[in-house]
């Protein structure tokens, strides 16, 4: 007999630690509905085929990529991230030294992103509705563990 599963962003926790910052990025940080996205920059494999139909797989070692965090315009974490961005951009000794860890406690998912640098300061909009602030990060190494429900 099949059983159902339940997912909730309430069970997701995320944190960022680095020079001048230690903060939550998940629901307790006033995350927007779109939440957090983690993506690898490149495929892990490249398939090459020869003229005779033979093939070769090339396994790529890189695990780099990106993290996008979307917060409500009114989230106090926006100020923390902007302070860290401004502090880190003044010296290469501080740049790219952040870590973001995301876990989904019910399933046991865990993603650790090391060697993170701010891609740029976020675009800002001032309109009738407050909207969101999107923070994009470049990641040197993404380590993913998917649990089970």
N, C-alpha and C. Protein backbone atom coordinates (compact mmCIF):
# COMPACT_ATOMS: atom_id res chain seq x y z
N UNK A 1 0.84 -1.18 0.00
CA UNK A 1 0.00 0.00 0.00
C UNK A 1 0.89 1.25 0.00
N UNK A 2 0.63 2.18 -0.89
CA UNK A 2 1.41 3.41 -0.99
C UNK A 2 1.06 4.37 0.15
N UNK A 3 2.05 5.10 0.58
CA UNK A 3 1.81 6.11 1.60
C UNK A 3 2.19 7.48 1.05
N UNK A 4 1.61 8.52 1.57
CA UNK A 4 1.89 9.88 1.12
C UNK A 4 3.02 10.51 1.91
N UNK A 5 3.49 11.61 1.42
CA UNK A 5 4.53 12.38 2.07
C UNK A 5 4.11 13.84 2.11
N UNK A 6 4.70 14.57 2.99
CA UNK A 6 4.38 15.99 3.12
C UNK A 6 5.67 16.79 3.12
N UNK A 7 5.64 17.94 2.42
CA UNK A 7 6.76 18.86 2.37
C UNK A 7 6.27 20.22 2.87
N UNK A 8 7.12 20.93 3.60
CA UNK A 8 6.83 22.29 4.00
C UNK A 8 8.13 23.08 4.10
N UNK A 9 8.11 24.31 3.60
CA UNK A 9 9.27 25.19 3.73
C UNK A 9 9.55 25.50 5.19
N UNK A 10 8.56 25.31 6.06
CA UNK A 10 8.75 25.51 7.50
C UNK A 10 9.86 24.59 8.02
N UNK A 11 10.02 23.42 7.40
CA UNK A 11 11.02 22.44 7.83
C UNK A 11 12.40 22.69 7.22
N UNK A 12 12.52 23.73 6.41
CA UNK A 12 13.81 24.05 5.79
C UNK A 12 14.54 25.05 6.68
N UNK A 13 15.80 24.76 6.93
CA UNK A 13 16.64 25.74 7.62
C UNK A 13 17.84 26.03 6.73
N UNK A 14 18.26 27.27 6.75
CA UNK A 14 19.40 27.68 5.93
C UNK A 14 20.17 28.74 6.69
N UNK A 15 21.48 28.68 6.56
CA UNK A 15 22.32 29.68 7.24
C UNK A 15 23.47 30.07 6.34
N UNK A 16 23.94 31.29 6.54
CA UNK A 16 25.12 31.78 5.84
C UNK A 16 26.10 32.26 6.89
N UNK A 17 27.34 31.80 6.74
CA UNK A 17 28.42 32.18 7.66
C UNK A 17 29.60 32.62 6.81
N UNK A 18 30.21 33.72 7.20
CA UNK A 18 31.38 34.22 6.49
C UNK A 18 31.91 35.46 7.16
N UNK A 19 32.87 36.13 6.54
CA UNK A 19 33.42 37.35 7.14
C UNK A 19 32.34 38.41 7.35
N UNK A 20 32.09 38.75 8.60
CA UNK A 20 31.12 39.78 8.94
C UNK A 20 29.67 39.35 8.91
N UNK A 21 29.40 38.04 8.76
CA UNK A 21 27.99 37.62 8.72
C UNK A 21 27.80 36.22 9.29
N UNK A 22 26.73 36.07 10.01
CA UNK A 22 26.23 34.78 10.47
C UNK A 22 24.72 34.96 10.61
N UNK A 23 23.96 34.43 9.65
CA UNK A 23 22.53 34.71 9.64
C UNK A 23 21.74 33.55 9.06
N UNK A 24 20.46 33.52 9.40
CA UNK A 24 19.54 32.57 8.83
C UNK A 24 19.04 33.10 7.49
N UNK A 25 18.70 32.18 6.57
CA UNK A 25 18.20 32.57 5.25
C UNK A 25 16.85 31.94 4.91
N UNK A 26 16.29 31.14 5.80
CA UNK A 26 15.07 30.41 5.47
C UNK A 26 13.83 31.14 6.00
N UNK A 27 12.81 30.38 6.41
CA UNK A 27 11.53 30.97 6.77
C UNK A 27 11.64 31.98 7.91
N UNK A 28 12.52 31.77 8.86
CA UNK A 28 12.68 32.71 9.97
C UNK A 28 13.37 34.01 9.52
N UNK A 29 13.82 34.07 8.27
CA UNK A 29 14.46 35.26 7.72
C UNK A 29 13.51 36.05 6.84
N UNK A 30 12.23 35.72 6.86
CA UNK A 30 11.22 36.34 5.99
C UNK A 30 11.54 36.07 4.52
N UNK A 31 11.80 34.80 4.22
CA UNK A 31 12.05 34.40 2.84
C UNK A 31 10.78 34.59 2.01
N UNK A 32 10.95 34.92 0.75
CA UNK A 32 9.84 35.05 -0.17
C UNK A 32 9.31 33.66 -0.54
N UNK A 33 8.14 33.62 -1.16
CA UNK A 33 7.54 32.33 -1.56
C UNK A 33 8.47 31.52 -2.45
N UNK A 34 9.28 32.18 -3.26
CA UNK A 34 10.18 31.48 -4.18
C UNK A 34 11.36 30.85 -3.46
N UNK A 35 11.63 31.24 -2.23
CA UNK A 35 12.61 30.59 -1.37
C UNK A 35 14.04 30.63 -1.86
N UNK A 36 14.69 29.47 -1.82
CA UNK A 36 16.11 29.32 -2.11
C UNK A 36 16.29 28.33 -3.26
N UNK A 37 17.15 28.69 -4.21
CA UNK A 37 17.47 27.79 -5.32
C UNK A 37 18.96 27.51 -5.32
N UNK A 38 19.30 26.25 -5.60
CA UNK A 38 20.70 25.83 -5.69
C UNK A 38 20.85 25.11 -7.02
N UNK A 39 21.86 25.49 -7.79
CA UNK A 39 22.03 24.85 -9.09
C UNK A 39 23.51 24.69 -9.44
N UNK A 40 23.82 23.56 -10.04
CA UNK A 40 25.17 23.32 -10.54
C UNK A 40 25.35 24.10 -11.84
N UNK A 41 26.56 24.57 -12.09
CA UNK A 41 26.82 25.41 -13.27
C UNK A 41 26.93 24.60 -14.55
N UNK A 42 27.42 23.37 -14.45
CA UNK A 42 27.69 22.59 -15.65
C UNK A 42 27.23 21.15 -15.46
N UNK A 43 26.99 20.46 -16.59
CA UNK A 43 26.67 19.03 -16.49
C UNK A 43 27.84 18.25 -15.91
N UNK A 44 27.55 17.15 -15.29
CA UNK A 44 28.59 16.29 -14.73
C UNK A 44 29.23 15.42 -15.81
N UNK A 45 28.55 15.26 -16.95
CA UNK A 45 29.02 14.36 -18.01
C UNK A 45 28.98 15.05 -19.36
N UNK A 46 29.89 14.63 -20.23
CA UNK A 46 29.84 15.02 -21.63
C UNK A 46 29.97 13.74 -22.45
N UNK A 47 29.03 13.53 -23.34
CA UNK A 47 29.04 12.34 -24.20
C UNK A 47 29.59 12.75 -25.56
N UNK A 48 30.67 12.07 -25.98
CA UNK A 48 31.27 12.30 -27.29
C UNK A 48 31.08 11.04 -28.11
N UNK A 49 30.58 11.22 -29.33
CA UNK A 49 30.42 10.06 -30.22
C UNK A 49 31.36 10.18 -31.40
N UNK A 50 31.86 9.04 -31.83
CA UNK A 50 32.78 8.99 -32.97
C UNK A 50 32.05 8.72 -34.27
N UNK A 51 32.77 8.84 -35.36
CA UNK A 51 32.20 8.63 -36.69
C UNK A 51 31.67 7.21 -36.86
N UNK A 52 32.26 6.24 -36.15
CA UNK A 52 31.84 4.84 -36.28
C UNK A 52 30.70 4.48 -35.33
N UNK A 53 30.25 5.46 -34.51
CA UNK A 53 29.18 5.19 -33.56
C UNK A 53 29.67 4.87 -32.16
N UNK A 54 30.99 4.72 -31.99
CA UNK A 54 31.54 4.51 -30.64
C UNK A 54 31.28 5.76 -29.81
N UNK A 55 31.30 5.59 -28.51
CA UNK A 55 31.05 6.73 -27.63
C UNK A 55 32.06 6.76 -26.49
N UNK A 56 32.13 7.94 -25.89
CA UNK A 56 33.00 8.13 -24.74
C UNK A 56 32.30 9.09 -23.78
N UNK A 57 32.27 8.70 -22.52
CA UNK A 57 31.76 9.59 -21.47
C UNK A 57 32.94 10.30 -20.82
N UNK A 58 32.79 11.60 -20.58
CA UNK A 58 33.81 12.37 -19.87
C UNK A 58 33.19 12.87 -18.57
N UNK A 59 33.68 12.37 -17.44
CA UNK A 59 33.21 12.78 -16.13
C UNK A 59 33.91 14.07 -15.73
N UNK A 60 33.12 15.10 -15.44
CA UNK A 60 33.68 16.40 -15.05
C UNK A 60 33.78 16.48 -13.54
N UNK A 61 34.89 16.96 -13.04
CA UNK A 61 35.15 17.00 -11.60
C UNK A 61 34.47 18.18 -10.90
N UNK A 62 34.22 19.25 -11.60
CA UNK A 62 33.73 20.49 -10.97
C UNK A 62 32.35 20.30 -10.34
N UNK A 63 32.17 20.90 -9.17
CA UNK A 63 30.88 20.93 -8.47
C UNK A 63 30.49 22.38 -8.17
N UNK A 64 30.87 23.30 -9.03
CA UNK A 64 30.56 24.71 -8.80
C UNK A 64 29.16 25.04 -9.29
N UNK A 65 28.66 26.20 -8.87
CA UNK A 65 27.33 26.58 -9.30
C UNK A 65 26.88 27.89 -8.68
N UNK A 66 25.61 27.93 -8.32
CA UNK A 66 25.06 29.16 -7.79
C UNK A 66 23.97 28.90 -6.77
N UNK A 67 23.76 29.88 -5.91
CA UNK A 67 22.67 29.89 -4.95
C UNK A 67 21.93 31.21 -5.12
N UNK A 68 20.61 31.13 -5.13
CA UNK A 68 19.77 32.33 -5.18
C UNK A 68 18.86 32.31 -3.97
N UNK A 69 18.86 33.40 -3.23
CA UNK A 69 18.03 33.55 -2.03
C UNK A 69 17.10 34.72 -2.27
N UNK A 70 15.80 34.48 -2.09
CA UNK A 70 14.80 35.52 -2.30
C UNK A 70 14.14 35.86 -0.97
N UNK A 71 14.26 37.13 -0.58
CA UNK A 71 13.71 37.59 0.69
C UNK A 71 12.66 38.66 0.44
N UNK A 72 11.71 38.76 1.37
CA UNK A 72 10.75 39.86 1.30
C UNK A 72 11.49 41.18 1.44
N UNK A 73 10.99 42.22 0.81
CA UNK A 73 11.62 43.54 0.88
C UNK A 73 11.82 43.99 2.32
N UNK A 74 10.91 43.59 3.22
CA UNK A 74 10.96 44.01 4.62
C UNK A 74 11.80 43.12 5.52
N UNK A 75 12.46 42.10 4.96
CA UNK A 75 13.28 41.21 5.78
C UNK A 75 14.50 41.94 6.33
N UNK A 76 14.74 41.84 7.64
CA UNK A 76 15.94 42.46 8.21
C UNK A 76 17.23 41.80 7.73
N UNK A 77 17.14 40.62 7.15
CA UNK A 77 18.33 39.93 6.64
C UNK A 77 18.91 40.66 5.43
N UNK A 78 18.10 41.40 4.69
CA UNK A 78 18.61 42.20 3.58
C UNK A 78 19.71 43.15 4.05
N UNK A 79 19.48 43.80 5.19
CA UNK A 79 20.48 44.73 5.73
C UNK A 79 21.75 43.98 6.12
N UNK A 80 21.61 42.80 6.73
CA UNK A 80 22.79 42.01 7.12
C UNK A 80 23.60 41.60 5.89
N UNK A 81 22.90 41.18 4.84
CA UNK A 81 23.60 40.76 3.63
C UNK A 81 24.29 41.95 2.96
N UNK A 82 23.64 43.11 2.94
CA UNK A 82 24.26 44.29 2.32
C UNK A 82 25.49 44.75 3.10
N UNK A 83 25.42 44.67 4.44
CA UNK A 83 26.59 45.01 5.25
C UNK A 83 27.75 44.07 4.96
N UNK A 84 27.45 42.77 4.87
CA UNK A 84 28.49 41.78 4.56
C UNK A 84 29.06 42.01 3.16
N UNK A 85 28.18 42.26 2.19
CA UNK A 85 28.62 42.53 0.82
C UNK A 85 29.58 43.72 0.78
N UNK A 86 29.18 44.82 1.42
CA UNK A 86 30.02 46.02 1.42
C UNK A 86 31.34 45.80 2.16
N UNK A 87 31.33 45.02 3.23
CA UNK A 87 32.56 44.75 3.99
C UNK A 87 33.49 43.82 3.20
N UNK A 88 32.93 42.79 2.58
CA UNK A 88 33.75 41.80 1.88
C UNK A 88 34.34 42.34 0.58
N UNK A 89 33.66 43.26 -0.08
CA UNK A 89 34.13 43.73 -1.39
C UNK A 89 35.32 44.68 -1.29
N UNK A 90 35.71 45.08 -0.08
CA UNK A 90 36.84 45.99 0.04
C UNK A 90 38.20 45.28 0.02
N UNK A 91 38.20 43.93 0.15
CA UNK A 91 39.46 43.21 0.16
C UNK A 91 39.29 41.79 -0.39
N UNK A 92 40.20 41.39 -1.24
CA UNK A 92 40.14 40.03 -1.77
C UNK A 92 40.41 38.99 -0.68
N UNK A 93 40.99 39.41 0.45
CA UNK A 93 41.21 38.46 1.55
C UNK A 93 39.89 38.06 2.22
N UNK A 94 38.83 38.83 2.00
CA UNK A 94 37.51 38.54 2.57
C UNK A 94 36.55 37.96 1.54
N UNK A 95 36.88 38.06 0.27
CA UNK A 95 35.95 37.72 -0.81
C UNK A 95 35.92 36.22 -1.07
N UNK A 96 34.73 35.66 -1.25
CA UNK A 96 34.58 34.24 -1.59
C UNK A 96 34.80 33.30 -0.43
N UNK A 97 34.62 33.76 0.78
CA UNK A 97 34.89 32.95 1.98
C UNK A 97 33.62 32.54 2.74
N UNK A 98 32.46 32.68 2.12
CA UNK A 98 31.19 32.36 2.79
C UNK A 98 30.81 30.89 2.58
N UNK A 99 29.99 30.40 3.50
CA UNK A 99 29.40 29.06 3.40
C UNK A 99 27.89 29.19 3.65
N UNK A 100 27.10 28.55 2.79
CA UNK A 100 25.66 28.45 3.00
C UNK A 100 25.33 26.97 3.16
N UNK A 101 24.57 26.66 4.22
CA UNK A 101 24.11 25.29 4.47
C UNK A 101 22.59 25.30 4.48
N UNK A 102 21.99 24.40 3.70
CA UNK A 102 20.53 24.28 3.63
C UNK A 102 20.16 22.86 4.01
N UNK A 103 19.23 22.72 4.94
CA UNK A 103 18.74 21.39 5.32
C UNK A 103 17.22 21.37 5.29
N UNK A 104 16.67 20.23 4.94
CA UNK A 104 15.23 19.99 5.04
C UNK A 104 15.10 18.89 6.06
N UNK A 105 14.71 19.25 7.26
CA UNK A 105 14.81 18.36 8.42
C UNK A 105 13.96 17.11 8.35
N UNK A 106 12.81 17.16 7.71
CA UNK A 106 11.93 15.99 7.66
C UNK A 106 12.51 14.91 6.75
N UNK A 107 13.02 15.32 5.58
CA UNK A 107 13.53 14.34 4.61
C UNK A 107 14.98 13.96 4.88
N UNK A 108 15.72 14.83 5.57
CA UNK A 108 17.14 14.58 5.77
C UNK A 108 18.01 15.17 4.68
N UNK A 109 17.43 16.00 3.78
CA UNK A 109 18.23 16.66 2.76
C UNK A 109 19.23 17.60 3.41
N UNK A 110 20.42 17.68 2.83
CA UNK A 110 21.42 18.64 3.29
C UNK A 110 22.28 19.05 2.11
N UNK A 111 22.44 20.36 1.94
CA UNK A 111 23.28 20.89 0.88
C UNK A 111 24.26 21.88 1.52
N UNK A 112 25.54 21.65 1.29
CA UNK A 112 26.58 22.54 1.81
C UNK A 112 27.24 23.21 0.61
N UNK A 113 27.26 24.54 0.64
CA UNK A 113 27.85 25.33 -0.44
C UNK A 113 29.04 26.09 0.14
N UNK A 114 30.23 25.80 -0.37
CA UNK A 114 31.47 26.40 0.13
C UNK A 114 32.07 27.34 -0.92
N UNK A 115 32.89 28.26 -0.43
CA UNK A 115 33.57 29.18 -1.34
C UNK A 115 32.60 30.11 -2.04
N UNK A 116 31.73 30.72 -1.28
CA UNK A 116 30.67 31.55 -1.85
C UNK A 116 31.09 33.02 -1.89
N UNK A 117 30.83 33.64 -3.04
CA UNK A 117 30.99 35.08 -3.20
C UNK A 117 29.68 35.68 -3.68
N UNK A 118 29.39 36.88 -3.25
CA UNK A 118 28.24 37.60 -3.78
C UNK A 118 28.46 37.81 -5.28
N UNK A 119 27.46 37.49 -6.09
CA UNK A 119 27.59 37.74 -7.53
C UNK A 119 27.59 39.24 -7.80
N UNK A 120 26.69 39.95 -7.12
CA UNK A 120 26.60 41.41 -7.21
C UNK A 120 25.59 41.87 -6.17
N UNK A 121 25.51 43.17 -5.97
CA UNK A 121 24.45 43.69 -5.11
C UNK A 121 23.12 43.44 -5.81
N UNK A 122 22.04 43.25 -5.05
CA UNK A 122 20.76 42.94 -5.68
C UNK A 122 20.16 44.14 -6.41
N UNK A 123 19.36 43.85 -7.43
CA UNK A 123 18.54 44.89 -8.04
C UNK A 123 17.48 45.29 -7.03
N UNK A 124 17.16 46.57 -6.98
CA UNK A 124 16.14 47.04 -6.03
C UNK A 124 15.00 47.69 -6.79
N UNK A 125 13.79 47.41 -6.33
CA UNK A 125 12.60 48.00 -6.92
C UNK A 125 11.78 48.66 -5.81
N UNK A 126 11.27 49.83 -6.12
CA UNK A 126 10.38 50.54 -5.20
C UNK A 126 9.09 50.76 -5.96
N UNK A 127 8.02 50.10 -5.50
CA UNK A 127 6.75 50.14 -6.22
C UNK A 127 5.58 50.13 -5.22
N UNK A 128 4.38 49.98 -5.74
CA UNK A 128 3.19 49.95 -4.90
C UNK A 128 3.27 48.82 -3.88
N UNK A 129 3.67 47.63 -4.34
CA UNK A 129 3.85 46.49 -3.45
C UNK A 129 5.34 46.33 -3.15
N UNK A 130 5.62 45.89 -1.93
CA UNK A 130 7.00 45.77 -1.47
C UNK A 130 7.86 44.83 -2.28
N UNK A 131 7.30 43.71 -2.70
CA UNK A 131 8.04 42.77 -3.52
C UNK A 131 9.14 42.02 -2.78
N UNK A 132 10.15 41.62 -3.54
CA UNK A 132 11.22 40.80 -2.99
C UNK A 132 12.59 41.38 -3.36
N UNK A 133 13.60 40.91 -2.64
CA UNK A 133 14.99 41.23 -2.94
C UNK A 133 15.68 39.90 -3.23
N UNK A 134 16.31 39.80 -4.39
CA UNK A 134 16.95 38.57 -4.82
C UNK A 134 18.46 38.70 -4.70
N UNK A 135 19.05 37.80 -3.90
CA UNK A 135 20.50 37.75 -3.69
C UNK A 135 21.06 36.56 -4.46
N UNK A 136 22.02 36.81 -5.32
CA UNK A 136 22.64 35.74 -6.12
C UNK A 136 24.10 35.57 -5.69
N UNK A 137 24.50 34.32 -5.56
CA UNK A 137 25.84 33.98 -5.10
C UNK A 137 26.49 32.99 -6.07
N UNK A 138 27.78 33.15 -6.29
CA UNK A 138 28.56 32.15 -7.03
C UNK A 138 29.20 31.22 -6.01
N UNK A 139 29.18 29.92 -6.31
CA UNK A 139 29.61 28.89 -5.36
C UNK A 139 30.75 28.08 -5.96
N UNK A 140 31.83 27.94 -5.19
CA UNK A 140 32.96 27.13 -5.63
C UNK A 140 32.70 25.64 -5.58
N UNK A 141 31.96 25.19 -4.54
CA UNK A 141 31.72 23.76 -4.35
C UNK A 141 30.34 23.53 -3.73
N UNK A 142 29.55 22.69 -4.39
CA UNK A 142 28.24 22.31 -3.87
C UNK A 142 28.27 20.82 -3.55
N UNK A 143 27.95 20.50 -2.30
CA UNK A 143 27.91 19.10 -1.85
C UNK A 143 26.46 18.81 -1.46
N UNK A 144 25.83 17.85 -2.15
CA UNK A 144 24.41 17.58 -1.94
C UNK A 144 24.18 16.17 -1.38
N UNK A 145 23.31 16.10 -0.39
CA UNK A 145 22.83 14.83 0.15
C UNK A 145 21.32 14.88 0.17
N UNK A 146 20.68 14.00 -0.54
CA UNK A 146 19.22 13.95 -0.52
C UNK A 146 18.79 12.81 0.38
N UNK A 147 17.93 13.12 1.33
CA UNK A 147 17.40 12.11 2.24
C UNK A 147 16.18 11.46 1.68
N UNK A 148 15.46 10.80 2.52
CA UNK A 148 14.22 10.13 2.10
C UNK A 148 13.09 10.56 3.01
N UNK A 149 11.92 10.56 2.48
CA UNK A 149 10.73 10.85 3.27
C UNK A 149 10.31 9.55 3.90
